[in-house]
Amino acid sequence: MTAQGQPTPISERVRLVIELTWINSEHLRSKSRFAGVEIELESALAASRPEARTSLQLLRIEMLRDQLWEADRALSALEEERARLEAALANAEAATRTAHGRDPR
């Protein structure tokens, strides 16, 4: 805290690391969700031969396929965001090295 009671701003690097930590945590949760839906779908598909499935079974399979697609989209979005944050972190660290005269280039 500053003398005026305001929170001390965190550095850009720390903010990016915090965001990356959150993204990585969400990515792990999303992978678990994806795997769970994948297992449920495999089980639903194995429960009966395609020609013997009831309309309820077909609906369940379709719902699981939709959930799997959504889980895959969520994973892709998290991976894109992680790549963006990693690039921003690399840029911030390069700027810091340059500012301190430690640019290895």
Protein backbone atom coordinates (compact mmCIF):
# COMPACT_ATOMS: atom_id res chain seq x y z
CA MET A 1 0.00 0.00 0.00
CA THR A 2 1.11 3.51 -0.69
CA ALA A 3 1.07 6.25 1.93
CA GLN A 4 -2.30 7.39 0.54
CA GLY A 5 -3.81 3.94 1.13
CA GLN A 6 -3.81 3.03 -2.55
CA PRO A 7 -2.70 -0.45 -3.56
CA THR A 8 0.79 -0.60 -4.97
CA PRO A 9 0.58 -1.34 -8.68
CA ILE A 10 2.09 -4.63 -9.73
CA SER A 11 4.53 -4.84 -12.57
CA GLU A 12 3.41 -5.89 -16.01
CA ARG A 13 5.55 -9.01 -15.71
CA VAL A 14 3.88 -10.06 -12.46
CA ARG A 15 0.43 -9.40 -13.93
CA LEU A 16 1.26 -11.57 -16.95
CA VAL A 17 2.61 -14.37 -14.77
CA ILE A 18 -0.56 -14.28 -12.67
CA GLU A 19 -2.70 -14.46 -15.81
CA LEU A 20 -0.61 -17.33 -17.18
CA THR A 21 -1.00 -19.21 -13.92
CA TRP A 22 -4.77 -18.78 -14.11
CA ILE A 23 -4.82 -19.87 -17.78
CA ASN A 24 -2.76 -22.96 -16.99
CA SER A 25 -5.11 -23.86 -14.15
CA GLU A 26 -8.16 -23.41 -16.39
CA HIS A 27 -6.45 -25.44 -19.11
CA LEU A 28 -5.99 -28.36 -16.72
CA ARG A 29 -9.64 -28.16 -15.65
CA SER A 30 -10.75 -27.99 -19.28
CA LYS A 31 -8.63 -30.99 -20.20
CA SER A 32 -10.26 -32.92 -17.36
CA ARG A 33 -13.73 -31.90 -18.57
CA PHE A 34 -12.81 -32.92 -22.11
CA ALA A 35 -11.53 -36.30 -20.95
CA GLY A 36 -14.64 -36.89 -18.86
CA VAL A 37 -16.98 -36.15 -21.74
CA GLU A 38 -14.84 -38.26 -24.05
CA ILE A 39 -15.16 -41.22 -21.66
CA GLU A 40 -18.93 -40.71 -21.37
CA LEU A 41 -19.26 -40.59 -25.15
CA GLU A 42 -17.20 -43.74 -25.62
CA SER A 43 -19.35 -45.47 -23.03
CA ALA A 44 -22.57 -44.32 -24.68
CA LEU A 45 -21.34 -45.50 -28.07
CA ALA A 46 -20.27 -48.87 -26.68
CA ALA A 47 -23.56 -49.41 -24.83
CA SER A 48 -25.40 -50.60 -27.92
CA ARG A 49 -25.00 -51.27 -31.60
CA PRO A 50 -25.81 -48.23 -33.77
CA GLU A 51 -28.86 -49.86 -35.34
CA ALA A 52 -30.28 -50.81 -31.93
CA ARG A 53 -30.04 -47.39 -30.26
CA THR A 54 -33.16 -45.77 -28.93
CA SER A 55 -34.04 -42.16 -29.64
CA LEU A 56 -33.02 -41.33 -26.07
CA GLN A 57 -29.61 -42.96 -26.57
CA LEU A 58 -29.16 -41.11 -29.86
CA LEU A 59 -30.06 -37.83 -28.19
CA ARG A 60 -27.57 -38.51 -25.37
CA ILE A 61 -24.83 -39.31 -27.89
CA GLU A 62 -25.56 -36.11 -29.81
CA MET A 63 -25.48 -34.08 -26.59
CA LEU A 64 -22.16 -35.63 -25.62
CA ARG A 65 -20.71 -34.88 -29.05
CA ASP A 66 -21.81 -31.26 -28.65
CA GLN A 67 -20.22 -31.11 -25.20
CA LEU A 68 -17.02 -32.59 -26.58
CA TRP A 69 -16.96 -30.00 -29.36
CA GLU A 70 -17.53 -27.20 -26.83
CA ALA A 71 -14.80 -28.56 -24.55
CA ASP A 72 -12.42 -28.67 -27.51
CA ARG A 73 -13.27 -25.07 -28.42
CA ALA A 74 -12.66 -23.98 -24.83
CA LEU A 75 -9.27 -25.70 -24.83
CA SER A 76 -8.33 -24.03 -28.10
CA ALA A 77 -9.33 -20.61 -26.78
CA LEU A 78 -7.25 -21.13 -23.64
CA GLU A 79 -4.26 -22.24 -25.71
CA GLU A 80 -4.56 -19.15 -27.91
CA GLU A 81 -4.75 -16.90 -24.85
CA ARG A 82 -1.77 -18.66 -23.29
CA ALA A 83 0.27 -18.10 -26.47
CA ARG A 84 -0.70 -14.42 -26.45
CA LEU A 85 0.29 -14.03 -22.80
CA GLU A 86 3.56 -15.90 -23.29
CA ALA A 87 4.46 -13.59 -26.17
CA ALA A 88 3.55 -10.54 -24.09
CA LEU A 89 5.67 -11.85 -21.21
CA ALA A 90 8.63 -12.46 -23.52
CA ASN A 91 8.27 -8.92 -24.87
CA ALA A 92 8.07 -7.46 -21.36
CA GLU A 93 11.16 -9.38 -20.28
CA ALA A 94 13.06 -8.33 -23.40
CA ALA A 95 12.13 -4.71 -22.75
CA THR A 96 13.36 -5.02 -19.17
CA ARG A 97 16.66 -6.54 -20.31
CA THR A 98 17.11 -3.78 -22.88
CA ALA A 99 16.29 -1.09 -20.33
CA HIS A 100 18.92 -2.49 -18.00
CA GLY A 101 21.52 -2.91 -20.73
CA ARG A 102 21.44 -6.70 -20.63
CA ASP A 103 20.08 -7.38 -24.09
CA PRO A 104 22.01 -10.42 -25.35
CA ARG A 105 21.46 -9.49 -29.01
